[in-house]
PDB file of N, CA and C in Angstrom:
ATOM      1  N   UNK A   1       0.816  -1.213   0.000  1.00  0.00           N
ATOM      2  CA  UNK A   1       0.000   0.000   0.000  1.00  0.00           C
ATOM      3  C   UNK A   1       0.850   1.263   0.000  1.00  0.00           C
ATOM      4  N   UNK A   2       2.123   1.196   0.102  1.00  0.00           N
ATOM      5  CA  UNK A   2       2.997   2.337   0.280  1.00  0.00           C
ATOM      6  C   UNK A   2       2.705   3.564  -0.555  1.00  0.00           C
ATOM      7  N   UNK A   3       2.964   3.495  -1.858  1.00  0.00           N
ATOM      8  CA  UNK A   3       2.810   4.671  -2.715  1.00  0.00           C
ATOM      9  C   UNK A   3       1.352   5.112  -2.809  1.00  0.00           C
ATOM     10  N   UNK A   4       0.447   4.165  -2.927  1.00  0.00           N
ATOM     11  CA  UNK A   4      -0.971   4.517  -3.020  1.00  0.00           C
ATOM     12  C   UNK A   4      -1.441   5.201  -1.733  1.00  0.00           C
ATOM     13  N   UNK A   5      -1.008   4.682  -0.589  1.00  0.00           N
ATOM     14  CA  UNK A   5      -1.378   5.288   0.690  1.00  0.00           C
ATOM     15  C   UNK A   5      -0.848   6.713   0.776  1.00  0.00           C
ATOM     16  N   UNK A   6       0.396   6.913   0.379  1.00  0.00           N
ATOM     17  CA  UNK A   6       0.995   8.247   0.417  1.00  0.00           C
ATOM     18  C   UNK A   6       0.210   9.216  -0.452  1.00  0.00           C
ATOM     19  N   UNK A   7      -0.135   8.795  -1.651  1.00  0.00           N
ATOM     20  CA  UNK A   7      -0.882   9.665  -2.563  1.00  0.00           C
ATOM     21  C   UNK A   7      -2.268  10.000  -2.013  1.00  0.00           C
ATOM     22  N   UNK A   8      -2.940   9.025  -1.442  1.00  0.00           N
ATOM     23  CA  UNK A   8      -4.276   9.277  -0.899  1.00  0.00           C
ATOM     24  C   UNK A   8      -4.202  10.199   0.319  1.00  0.00           C
ATOM     25  N   UNK A   9      -3.186  10.004   1.148  1.00  0.00           N
ATOM     26  CA  UNK A   9      -3.027  10.851   2.332  1.00  0.00           C
ATOM     27  C   UNK A   9      -2.782  12.304   1.964  1.00  0.00           C
ATOM     28  N   UNK A  10      -2.064  12.539   0.871  1.00  0.00           N
ATOM     29  CA  UNK A  10      -1.810  13.916   0.443  1.00  0.00           C
ATOM     30  C   UNK A  10      -3.110  14.678   0.264  1.00  0.00           C
ATOM     31  N   UNK A  11      -4.120  14.002  -0.232  1.00  0.00           N
ATOM     32  CA  UNK A  11      -5.396  14.648  -0.487  1.00  0.00           C
ATOM     33  C   UNK A  11      -6.208  14.957   0.753  1.00  0.00           C
ATOM     34  N   UNK A  12      -5.938  14.254   1.836  1.00  0.00           N
ATOM     35  CA  UNK A  12      -6.757  14.445   3.042  1.00  0.00           C
ATOM     36  C   UNK A  12      -5.965  14.940   4.246  1.00  0.00           C
ATOM     37  N   UNK A  13      -4.657  15.100   4.090  1.00  0.00           N
ATOM     38  CA  UNK A  13      -3.822  15.434   5.244  1.00  0.00           C
ATOM     39  C   UNK A  13      -4.218  16.749   5.905  1.00  0.00           C
ATOM     40  N   UNK A  14      -4.617  17.731   5.119  1.00  0.00           N
ATOM     41  CA  UNK A  14      -5.030  19.002   5.716  1.00  0.00           C
ATOM     42  C   UNK A  14      -6.202  18.783   6.670  1.00  0.00           C
ATOM     43  N   UNK A  15      -7.190  18.035   6.236  1.00  0.00           N
ATOM     44  CA  UNK A  15      -8.333  17.742   7.095  1.00  0.00           C
ATOM     45  C   UNK A  15      -7.930  16.955   8.325  1.00  0.00           C
ATOM     46  N   UNK A  16      -7.002  16.023   8.160  1.00  0.00           N
ATOM     47  CA  UNK A  16      -6.526  15.225   9.287  1.00  0.00           C
ATOM     48  C   UNK A  16      -5.847  16.122  10.319  1.00  0.00           C
ATOM     49  N   UNK A  17      -4.986  17.018   9.870  1.00  0.00           N
ATOM     50  CA  UNK A  17      -4.287  17.925  10.794  1.00  0.00           C
ATOM     51  C   UNK A  17      -5.276  18.866  11.477  1.00  0.00           C
ATOM     52  N   UNK A  18      -6.238  19.388  10.733  1.00  0.00           N
ATOM     53  CA  UNK A  18      -7.256  20.241  11.357  1.00  0.00           C
ATOM     54  C   UNK A  18      -8.050  19.460  12.399  1.00  0.00           C
ATOM     55  N   UNK A  19      -8.329  18.189  12.121  1.00  0.00           N
ATOM     56  CA  UNK A  19      -9.053  17.356  13.084  1.00  0.00           C
ATOM     57  C   UNK A  19      -8.229  17.144  14.353  1.00  0.00           C
ATOM     58  N   UNK A  20      -6.921  16.964  14.204  1.00  0.00           N
ATOM     59  CA  UNK A  20      -6.052  16.840  15.382  1.00  0.00           C
ATOM     60  C   UNK A  20      -6.103  18.133  16.193  1.00  0.00           C
ATOM     61  N   UNK A  21      -6.047  19.276  15.503  1.00  0.00           N
ATOM     62  CA  UNK A  21      -6.084  20.564  16.200  1.00  0.00           C
ATOM     63  C   UNK A  21      -7.451  20.839  16.814  1.00  0.00           C
ATOM     64  N   UNK A  22      -8.497  20.205  16.309  1.00  0.00           N
ATOM     65  CA  UNK A  22      -9.819  20.342  16.930  1.00  0.00           C
ATOM     66  C   UNK A  22      -9.837  19.657  18.294  1.00  0.00           C
ATOM     67  N   UNK A  23      -8.960  18.680  18.484  1.00  0.00           N
ATOM     68  CA  UNK A  23      -8.873  17.983  19.770  1.00  0.00           C
ATOM     69  C   UNK A  23      -8.177  18.834  20.820  1.00  0.00           C
ATOM     70  N   UNK A  24      -7.121  19.544  20.369  1.00  0.00           N
ATOM     71  CA  UNK A  24      -6.350  20.375  21.304  1.00  0.00           C
ATOM     72  C   UNK A  24      -5.322  21.189  20.519  1.00  0.00           C
ATOM     73  N   UNK A  25      -4.916  22.337  21.051  1.00  0.00           N
ATOM     74  CA  UNK A  25      -3.810  23.078  20.430  1.00  0.00           C
ATOM     75  C   UNK A  25      -2.540  22.217  20.461  1.00  0.00           C
ATOM     76  N   UNK A  26      -1.696  22.388  19.467  1.00  0.00           N
ATOM     77  CA  UNK A  26      -0.482  21.577  19.404  1.00  0.00           C
ATOM     78  C   UNK A  26       0.556  22.257  18.526  1.00  0.00           C
ATOM     79  N   UNK A  27       1.811  21.857  18.716  1.00  0.00           N
ATOM     80  CA  UNK A  27       2.869  22.309  17.814  1.00  0.00           C
ATOM     81  C   UNK A  27       3.172  21.185  16.828  1.00  0.00           C
ATOM     82  N   UNK A  28       3.961  21.491  15.825  1.00  0.00           N
ATOM     83  CA  UNK A  28       4.195  20.563  14.727  1.00  0.00           C
ATOM     84  C   UNK A  28       4.669  19.190  15.157  1.00  0.00           C
ATOM     85  N   UNK A  29       5.617  19.149  16.093  1.00  0.00           N
ATOM     86  CA  UNK A  29       6.129  17.849  16.519  1.00  0.00           C
ATOM     87  C   UNK A  29       5.037  17.040  17.211  1.00  0.00           C
ATOM     88  N   UNK A  30       4.225  17.697  18.042  1.00  0.00           N
ATOM     89  CA  UNK A  30       3.112  17.002  18.710  1.00  0.00           C
ATOM     90  C   UNK A  30       2.161  16.382  17.693  1.00  0.00           C
ATOM     91  N   UNK A  31       1.855  17.145  16.656  1.00  0.00           N
ATOM     92  CA  UNK A  31       0.933  16.659  15.626  1.00  0.00           C
ATOM     93  C   UNK A  31       1.534  15.448  14.919  1.00  0.00           C
ATOM     94  N   UNK A  32       2.802  15.554  14.536  1.00  0.00           N
ATOM     95  CA  UNK A  32       3.469  14.443  13.859  1.00  0.00           C
ATOM     96  C   UNK A  32       3.508  13.209  14.753  1.00  0.00           C
ATOM     97  N   UNK A  33       3.849  13.389  16.027  1.00  0.00           N
ATOM     98  CA  UNK A  33       3.905  12.260  16.965  1.00  0.00           C
ATOM     99  C   UNK A  33       2.529  11.617  17.125  1.00  0.00           C
ATOM    100  N   UNK A  34       1.485  12.442  17.240  1.00  0.00           N
ATOM    101  CA  UNK A  34       0.128  11.905  17.391  1.00  0.00           C
ATOM    102  C   UNK A  34      -0.249  11.090  16.159  1.00  0.00           C
ATOM    103  N   UNK A  35       0.044  11.634  14.978  1.00  0.00           N
ATOM    104  CA  UNK A  35      -0.274  10.928  13.736  1.00  0.00           C
ATOM    105  C   UNK A  35       0.448   9.587  13.674  1.00  0.00           C
ATOM    106  N   UNK A  36       1.704   9.572  14.049  1.00  0.00           N
ATOM    107  CA  UNK A  36       2.466   8.314  14.031  1.00  0.00           C
ATOM    108  C   UNK A  36       1.897   7.320  15.032  1.00  0.00           C
ATOM    109  N   UNK A  37       1.531   7.803  16.211  1.00  0.00           N
ATOM    110  CA  UNK A  37       0.916   6.927  17.217  1.00  0.00           C
ATOM    111  C   UNK A  37      -0.395   6.326  16.719  1.00  0.00           C
ATOM    112  N   UNK A  38      -1.079   7.052  15.851  1.00  0.00           N
ATOM    113  CA  UNK A  38      -2.363   6.591  15.312  1.00  0.00           C
ATOM    114  C   UNK A  38      -2.211   5.781  14.023  1.00  0.00           C
ATOM    115  N   UNK A  39      -0.972   5.469  13.656  1.00  0.00           N
ATOM    116  CA  UNK A  39      -0.744   4.601  12.507  1.00  0.00           C
ATOM    117  C   UNK A  39      -0.383   5.295  11.209  1.00  0.00           C
ATOM    118  N   UNK A  40      -0.271   6.613  11.223  1.00  0.00           N
ATOM    119  CA  UNK A  40       0.129   7.348  10.023  1.00  0.00           C
ATOM    120  C   UNK A  40       1.652   7.461   9.993  1.00  0.00           C
ATOM    121  N   UNK A  41       2.315   6.321   9.957  1.00  0.00           N
ATOM    122  CA  UNK A  41       3.769   6.296  10.132  1.00  0.00           C
ATOM    123  C   UNK A  41       4.552   6.843   8.944  1.00  0.00           C
ATOM    124  N   UNK A  42       3.928   6.933   7.785  1.00  0.00           N
ATOM    125  CA  UNK A  42       4.645   7.389   6.589  1.00  0.00           C
ATOM    126  C   UNK A  42       4.671   8.900   6.428  1.00  0.00           C
ATOM    127  N   UNK A  43       4.054   9.634   7.329  1.00  0.00           N
ATOM    128  CA  UNK A  43       3.993  11.088   7.190  1.00  0.00           C
ATOM    129  C   UNK A  43       5.275  11.705   7.747  1.00  0.00           C
ATOM    130  N   UNK A  44       5.990  12.402   6.895  1.00  0.00           N
ATOM    131  CA  UNK A  44       7.238  13.046   7.306  1.00  0.00           C
ATOM    132  C   UNK A  44       6.942  14.317   8.093  1.00  0.00           C
ATOM    133  N   UNK A  45       7.789  14.587   9.069  1.00  0.00           N
ATOM    134  CA  UNK A  45       7.616  15.783   9.894  1.00  0.00           C
ATOM    135  C   UNK A  45       7.613  17.044   9.035  1.00  0.00           C
ATOM    136  N   UNK A  46       8.475  17.088   8.029  1.00  0.00           N
ATOM    137  CA  UNK A  46       8.534  18.252   7.149  1.00  0.00           C
ATOM    138  C   UNK A  46       7.236  18.493   6.404  1.00  0.00           C
ATOM    139  N   UNK A  47       6.533  17.425   6.079  1.00  0.00           N
ATOM    140  CA  UNK A  47       5.241  17.547   5.405  1.00  0.00           C
ATOM    141  C   UNK A  47       4.235  18.241   6.310  1.00  0.00           C
ATOM    142  N   UNK A  48       4.237  17.874   7.579  1.00  0.00           N
ATOM    143  CA  UNK A  48       3.312  18.488   8.545  1.00  0.00           C
ATOM    144  C   UNK A  48       3.647  19.962   8.723  1.00  0.00           C
ATOM    145  N   UNK A  49       4.934  20.288   8.850  1.00  0.00           N
ATOM    146  CA  UNK A  49       5.317  21.692   9.032  1.00  0.00           C
ATOM    147  C   UNK A  49       4.936  22.539   7.819  1.00  0.00           C
ATOM    148  N   UNK A  50       5.149  22.018   6.627  1.00  0.00           N
ATOM    149  CA  UNK A  50       4.766  22.759   5.416  1.00  0.00           C
ATOM    150  C   UNK A  50       3.257  22.980   5.377  1.00  0.00           C
ATOM    151  N   UNK A  51       2.505  21.985   5.776  1.00  0.00           N
ATOM    152  CA  UNK A  51       1.051  22.112   5.817  1.00  0.00           C
ATOM    153  C   UNK A  51       0.624  23.150   6.849  1.00  0.00           C
ATOM    154  N   UNK A  52       1.278  23.165   7.998  1.00  0.00           N
ATOM    155  CA  UNK A  52       0.952  24.153   9.033  1.00  0.00           C
ATOM    156  C   UNK A  52       1.195  25.576   8.537  1.00  0.00           C
ATOM    157  N   UNK A  53       2.258  25.777   7.789  1.00  0.00           N
ATOM    158  CA  UNK A  53       2.526  27.100   7.213  1.00  0.00           C
ATOM    159  C   UNK A  53       1.382  27.501   6.280  1.00  0.00           C
ATOM    160  N   UNK A  54       0.936  26.568   5.453  1.00  0.00           N
ATOM    161  CA  UNK A  54      -0.156  26.868   4.512  1.00  0.00           C
ATOM    162  C   UNK A  54      -1.464  27.185   5.229  1.00  0.00           C
ATOM    163  N   UNK A  55      -1.813  26.401   6.250  1.00  0.00           N
ATOM    164  CA  UNK A  55      -3.092  26.665   6.921  1.00  0.00           C
ATOM    165  C   UNK A  55      -3.017  27.930   7.774  1.00  0.00           C
ATOM    166  N   UNK A  56      -1.809  28.262   8.240  1.00  0.00           N
ATOM    167  CA  UNK A  56      -1.643  29.539   8.949  1.00  0.00           C
ATOM    168  C   UNK A  56      -1.866  30.700   7.981  1.00  0.00           C
ATOM    169  N   UNK A  57      -1.253  30.625   6.797  1.00  0.00           N
ATOM    170  CA  UNK A  57      -1.409  31.690   5.797  1.00  0.00           C
ATOM    171  C   UNK A  57      -2.861  31.844   5.361  1.00  0.00           C
ATOM    172  N   UNK A  58      -3.606  30.759   5.357  1.00  0.00           N
ATOM    173  CA  UNK A  58      -5.013  30.802   4.953  1.00  0.00           C
ATOM    174  C   UNK A  58      -5.933  31.233   6.091  1.00  0.00           C
ATOM    175  N   UNK A  59      -5.368  31.465   7.278  1.00  0.00           N
ATOM    176  CA  UNK A  59      -6.155  31.968   8.394  1.00  0.00           C
ATOM    177  C   UNK A  59      -7.031  30.925   9.067  1.00  0.00           C
ATOM    178  N   UNK A  60      -6.649  29.643   8.990  1.00  0.00           N
ATOM    179  CA  UNK A  60      -7.454  28.576   9.581  1.00  0.00           C
ATOM    180  C   UNK A  60      -7.062  28.255  11.016  1.00  0.00           C
ATOM    181  N   UNK A  61      -5.935  28.806  11.454  1.00  0.00           N
ATOM    182  CA  UNK A  61      -5.444  28.564  12.809  1.00  0.00           C
ATOM    183  C   UNK A  61      -4.931  29.868  13.411  1.00  0.00           C
ATOM    184  N   UNK A  62      -4.934  29.906  14.720  1.00  0.00           N
ATOM    185  CA  UNK A  62      -4.254  30.970  15.448  1.00  0.00           C
ATOM    186  C   UNK A  62      -2.934  30.390  15.930  1.00  0.00           C
ATOM    187  N   UNK A  63      -1.908  31.223  15.976  1.00  0.00           N
ATOM    188  CA  UNK A  63      -0.572  30.754  16.328  1.00  0.00           C
ATOM    189  C   UNK A  63      -0.040  31.561  17.499  1.00  0.00           C
ATOM    190  N   UNK A  64       0.534  30.840  18.454  1.00  0.00           N
ATOM    191  CA  UNK A  64       1.166  31.483  19.603  1.00  0.00           C
ATOM    192  C   UNK A  64       2.556  30.878  19.769  1.00  0.00           C
ATOM    193  N   UNK A  65       3.543  31.739  19.944  1.00  0.00           N
ATOM    194  CA  UNK A  65       4.890  31.241  20.207  1.00  0.00           C
ATOM    195  C   UNK A  65       5.049  31.061  21.710  1.00  0.00           C
ATOM    196  N   UNK A  66       5.463  29.863  22.105  1.00  0.00           N
ATOM    197  CA  UNK A  66       5.659  29.569  23.525  1.00  0.00           C
ATOM    198  C   UNK A  66       7.105  29.135  23.739  1.00  0.00           C
ATOM    199  N   UNK A  67       7.671  29.491  24.892  1.00  0.00           N
ATOM    200  CA  UNK A  67       9.059  29.111  25.165  1.00  0.00           C
ATOM    201  C   UNK A  67       9.235  27.591  25.146  1.00  0.00           C
ATOM    202  N   UNK A  68      10.415  27.176  24.735  1.00  0.00           N
ATOM    203  CA  UNK A  68      10.748  25.757  24.700  1.00  0.00           C
ATOM    204  C   UNK A  68      11.961  25.520  25.580  1.00  0.00           C
ATOM    205  N   UNK A  69      11.963  24.396  26.277  1.00  0.00           N
ATOM    206  CA  UNK A  69      13.128  24.056  27.097  1.00  0.00           C
ATOM    207  C   UNK A  69      14.332  23.745  26.221  1.00  0.00           C
ATOM    208  N   UNK A  70      14.049  23.309  25.001  1.00  0.00           N
ATOM    209  CA  UNK A  70      15.117  22.946  24.071  1.00  0.00           C
ATOM    210  C   UNK A  70      15.004  23.813  22.829  1.00  0.00           C
ATOM    211  N   UNK A  71      15.878  24.757  22.665  1.00  0.00           N
ATOM    212  CA  UNK A  71      15.908  25.546  21.445  1.00  0.00           C
ATOM    213  C   UNK A  71      14.963  26.733  21.428  1.00  0.00           C
ATOM    214  N   UNK A  72      14.644  27.178  20.210  1.00  0.00           N
ATOM    215  CA  UNK A  72      13.819  28.384  20.041  1.00  0.00           C
ATOM    216  C   UNK A  72      12.367  28.135  20.469  1.00  0.00           C
ATOM    217  N   UNK A  73      11.605  29.230  20.607  1.00  0.00           N
ATOM    218  CA  UNK A  73      10.189  29.066  20.963  1.00  0.00           C
ATOM    219  C   UNK A  73       9.460  28.211  19.923  1.00  0.00           C
ATOM    220  N   UNK A  74       8.445  27.517  20.392  1.00  0.00           N
ATOM    221  CA  UNK A  74       7.640  26.677  19.502  1.00  0.00           C
ATOM    222  C   UNK A  74       6.363  27.399  19.122  1.00  0.00           C
ATOM    223  N   UNK A  75       5.919  27.160  17.910  1.00  0.00           N
ATOM    224  CA  UNK A  75       4.626  27.690  17.479  1.00  0.00           C
ATOM    225  C   UNK A  75       3.550  26.686  17.878  1.00  0.00           C
ATOM    226  N   UNK A  76       2.592  27.154  18.657  1.00  0.00           N
ATOM    227  CA  UNK A  76       1.458  26.310  19.026  1.00  0.00           C
ATOM    228  C   UNK A  76       0.265  26.764  18.192  1.00  0.00           C
ATOM    229  N   UNK A  77      -0.336  25.827  17.507  1.00  0.00           N
ATOM    230  CA  UNK A  77      -1.446  26.095  16.590  1.00  0.00           C
ATOM    231  C   UNK A  77      -2.765  25.743  17.261  1.00  0.00           C
ATOM    232  N   UNK A  78      -3.727  26.653  17.140  1.00  0.00           N
ATOM    233  CA  UNK A  78      -5.065  26.446  17.679  1.00  0.00           C
ATOM    234  C   UNK A  78      -6.068  26.635  16.550  1.00  0.00           C
ATOM    235  N   UNK A  79      -6.969  25.697  16.417  1.00  0.00           N
ATOM    236  CA  UNK A  79      -8.010  25.812  15.399  1.00  0.00           C
ATOM    237  C   UNK A  79      -8.910  26.996  15.740  1.00  0.00           C
ATOM    238  N   UNK A  80      -9.131  27.890  14.781  1.00  0.00           N
ATOM    239  CA  UNK A  80     -10.019  29.034  15.015  1.00  0.00           C
ATOM    240  C   UNK A  80     -11.359  28.786  14.308  1.00  0.00           C
ATOM    241  N   UNK A  81     -12.234  29.784  14.326  1.00  0.00           N
ATOM    242  CA  UNK A  81     -13.577  29.615  13.747  1.00  0.00           C
ATOM    243  C   UNK A  81     -13.515  29.295  12.252  1.00  0.00           C
ATOM    244  N   UNK A  82     -12.625  29.957  11.521  1.00  0.00           N
ATOM    245  CA  UNK A  82     -12.495  29.668  10.086  1.00  0.00           C
ATOM    246  C   UNK A  82     -12.004  28.241   9.870  1.00  0.00           C
ATOM    247  N   UNK A  83     -11.067  27.816  10.704  1.00  0.00           N
ATOM    248  CA  UNK A  83     -10.563  26.446  10.619  1.00  0.00           C
ATOM    249  C   UNK A  83     -11.633  25.427  10.962  1.00  0.00           C
ATOM    250  N   UNK A  84     -12.447  25.749  11.964  1.00  0.00           N
ATOM    251  CA  UNK A  84     -13.543  24.857  12.361  1.00  0.00           C
ATOM    252  C   UNK A  84     -14.538  24.704  11.213  1.00  0.00           C
ATOM    253  N   UNK A  85     -14.857  25.813  10.565  1.00  0.00           N
ATOM    254  CA  UNK A  85     -15.774  25.779   9.428  1.00  0.00           C
ATOM    255  C   UNK A  85     -15.185  24.943   8.288  1.00  0.00           C
ATOM    256  N   UNK A  86     -13.903  25.132   8.034  1.00  0.00           N
ATOM    257  CA  UNK A  86     -13.220  24.365   6.985  1.00  0.00           C
ATOM    258  C   UNK A  86     -13.227  22.875   7.328  1.00  0.00           C
ATOM    259  N   UNK A  87     -12.990  22.557   8.599  1.00  0.00           N
ATOM    260  CA  UNK A  87     -13.006  21.159   9.036  1.00  0.00           C
ATOM    261  C   UNK A  87     -14.405  20.562   8.896  1.00  0.00           C
ATOM    262  N   UNK A  88     -15.424  21.327   9.247  1.00  0.00           N
ATOM    263  CA  UNK A  88     -16.802  20.845   9.075  1.00  0.00           C
ATOM    264  C   UNK A  88     -17.080  20.527   7.610  1.00  0.00           C
ATOM    265  N   UNK A  89     -16.612  21.397   6.701  1.00  0.00           N
ATOM    266  CA  UNK A  89     -16.757  21.138   5.262  1.00  0.00           C
ATOM    267  C   UNK A  89     -16.001  19.870   4.854  1.00  0.00           C
ATOM    268  N   UNK A  90     -14.807  19.703   5.409  1.00  0.00           N
ATOM    269  CA  UNK A  90     -14.014  18.502   5.130  1.00  0.00           C
ATOM    270  C   UNK A  90     -14.786  17.250   5.526  1.00  0.00           C
ATOM    271  N   UNK A  91     -15.366  17.261   6.747  1.00  0.00           N
ATOM    272  CA  UNK A  91     -16.100  16.072   7.211  1.00  0.00           C
ATOM    273  C   UNK A  91     -17.330  15.803   6.356  1.00  0.00           C
ATOM    274  N   UNK A  92     -18.035  16.841   5.923  1.00  0.00           N
ATOM    275  CA  UNK A  92     -19.188  16.646   5.036  1.00  0.00           C
ATOM    276  C   UNK A  92     -18.745  16.006   3.712  1.00  0.00           C
ATOM    277  N   UNK A  93     -17.658  16.513   3.169  1.00  0.00           N
ATOM    278  CA  UNK A  93     -17.129  15.953   1.927  1.00  0.00           C
ATOM    279  C   UNK A  93     -16.681  14.512   2.137  1.00  0.00           C
ATOM    280  N   UNK A  94     -16.000  14.278   3.250  1.00  0.00           N
ATOM    281  CA  UNK A  94     -15.526  12.928   3.567  1.00  0.00           C
ATOM    282  C   UNK A  94     -16.703  11.953   3.662  1.00  0.00           C
ATOM    283  N   UNK A  95     -17.753  12.334   4.365  1.00  0.00           N
ATOM    284  CA  UNK A  95     -18.916  11.462   4.516  1.00  0.00           C
ATOM    285  C   UNK A  95     -19.566  11.176   3.164  1.00  0.00           C
ATOM    286  N   UNK A  96     -19.666  12.183   2.317  1.00  0.00           N
ATOM    287  CA  UNK A  96     -20.222  11.993   0.978  1.00  0.00           C
ATOM    288  C   UNK A  96     -19.384  10.985   0.193  1.00  0.00           C
ATOM    289  N   UNK A  97     -18.077  11.236   0.135  1.00  0.00           N
ATOM    290  CA  UNK A  97     -17.193  10.350  -0.626  1.00  0.00           C
ATOM    291  C   UNK A  97     -17.154   8.950  -0.032  1.00  0.00           C
ATOM    292  N   UNK A  98     -17.083   8.864   1.282  1.00  0.00           N
ATOM    293  CA  UNK A  98     -17.023   7.569   1.946  1.00  0.00           C
ATOM    294  C   UNK A  98     -18.258   6.732   1.616  1.00  0.00           C
ATOM    295  N   UNK A  99     -19.423   7.358   1.631  1.00  0.00           N
ATOM    296  CA  UNK A  99     -20.648   6.643   1.294  1.00  0.00           C
ATOM    297  C   UNK A  99     -20.642   6.128  -0.131  1.00  0.00           C
ATOM    298  N   UNK A 100     -20.203   6.968  -1.064  1.00  0.00           N
ATOM    299  CA  UNK A 100     -20.172   6.568  -2.471  1.00  0.00           C
ATOM    300  C   UNK A 100     -19.131   5.482  -2.711  1.00  0.00           C
ATOM    301  N   UNK A 101     -17.969   5.628  -2.078  1.00  0.00           N
ATOM    302  CA  UNK A 101     -16.916   4.626  -2.252  1.00  0.00           C
ATOM    303  C   UNK A 101     -17.310   3.294  -1.625  1.00  0.00           C
ATOM    304  N   UNK A 102     -17.963   3.331  -0.470  1.00  0.00           N
ATOM    305  CA  UNK A 102     -18.413   2.093   0.174  1.00  0.00           C
ATOM    306  C   UNK A 102     -19.419   1.370  -0.723  1.00  0.00           C
ATOM    307  N   UNK A 103     -20.323   2.129  -1.325  1.00  0.00           N
ATOM    308  CA  UNK A 103     -21.309   1.518  -2.232  1.00  0.00           C
ATOM    309  C   UNK A 103     -20.609   0.899  -3.440  1.00  0.00           C
ATOM    310  N   UNK A 104     -19.675   1.622  -4.014  1.00  0.00           N
ATOM    311  CA  UNK A 104     -18.938   1.103  -5.161  1.00  0.00           C
ATOM    312  C   UNK A 104     -18.159  -0.160  -4.779  1.00  0.00           C
ATOM    313  N   UNK A 105     -17.563  -0.140  -3.598  1.00  0.00           N
ATOM    314  CA  UNK A 105     -16.811  -1.296  -3.113  1.00  0.00           C
ATOM    315  C   UNK A 105     -17.734  -2.504  -2.945  1.00  0.00           C
ATOM    316  N   UNK A 106     -18.907  -2.288  -2.374  1.00  0.00           N
ATOM    317  CA  UNK A 106     -19.883  -3.376  -2.220  1.00  0.00           C
ATOM    318  C   UNK A 106     -20.288  -3.949  -3.579  1.00  0.00           C
ATOM    319  N   UNK A 107     -20.544  -3.073  -4.538  1.00  0.00           N
ATOM    320  CA  UNK A 107     -20.915  -3.534  -5.879  1.00  0.00           C
ATOM    321  C   UNK A 107     -19.800  -4.371  -6.498  1.00  0.00           C
ATOM    322  N   UNK A 108     -18.564  -3.945  -6.318  1.00  0.00           N
ATOM    323  CA  UNK A 108     -17.422  -4.677  -6.854  1.00  0.00           C
ATOM    324  C   UNK A 108     -17.283  -6.037  -6.178  1.00  0.00           C
ATOM    325  N   UNK A 109     -17.437  -6.068  -4.858  1.00  0.00           N
ATOM    326  CA  UNK A 109     -17.347  -7.345  -4.130  1.00  0.00           C
ATOM    327  C   UNK A 109     -18.439  -8.304  -4.579  1.00  0.00           C
ATOM    328  N   UNK A 110     -19.657  -7.793  -4.727  1.00  0.00           N
ATOM    329  CA  UNK A 110     -20.772  -8.639  -5.164  1.00  0.00           C
ATOM    330  C   UNK A 110     -20.545  -9.167  -6.581  1.00  0.00           C
ATOM    331  N   UNK A 111     -19.996  -8.328  -7.443  1.00  0.00           N
ATOM    332  CA  UNK A 111     -19.701  -8.750  -8.810  1.00  0.00           C
ATOM    333  C   UNK A 111     -18.676  -9.872  -8.805  1.00  0.00           C
ATOM    334  N   UNK A 112     -17.643  -9.734  -7.983  1.00  0.00           N
ATOM    335  CA  UNK A 112     -16.608 -10.774  -7.909  1.00  0.00           C
ATOM    336  C   UNK A 112     -17.176 -12.066  -7.329  1.00  0.00           C
ATOM    337  N   UNK A 113     -18.071 -11.944  -6.340  1.00  0.00           N
ATOM    338  CA  UNK A 113     -18.664 -13.133  -5.723  1.00  0.00           C
ATOM    339  C   UNK A 113     -19.557 -13.877  -6.709  1.00  0.00           C
ATOM    340  N   UNK A 114     -20.210 -13.143  -7.595  1.00  0.00           N
ATOM    341  CA  UNK A 114     -21.103 -13.754  -8.585  1.00  0.00           C
ATOM    342  C   UNK A 114     -20.341 -14.360  -9.763  1.00  0.00           C
ATOM    343  N   UNK A 115     -19.103 -13.948  -9.943  1.00  0.00           N
ATOM    344  CA  UNK A 115     -18.327 -14.404 -11.113  1.00  0.00           C
ATOM    345  C   UNK A 115     -17.828 -15.824 -10.948  1.00  0.00           C
TER     346      UNK A 115
END
């Protein structure tokens, strides 16, 4: 599933990161660690940071710099109202696609069973 999984994740990673931020404010490393703990092991830390820059520029998160015990201050990202609205749209789209894909998958399985 390697390459196919990576390609599919690219399309939904923004929604996934916004969903993580809906749970709690976090910095990039926290988000990457959470994703890896949840089985998204192929996501590179740099990919998450680049995505955070994009969603910050689009105004979907609020950012606060907090002191770090190790190195420079960390940016902590908090989902704001615009981000929440975007995430709600993501979930609506996801539910629509998931329903259609599940139906298509069932049709394919039934076709194979009948063959």
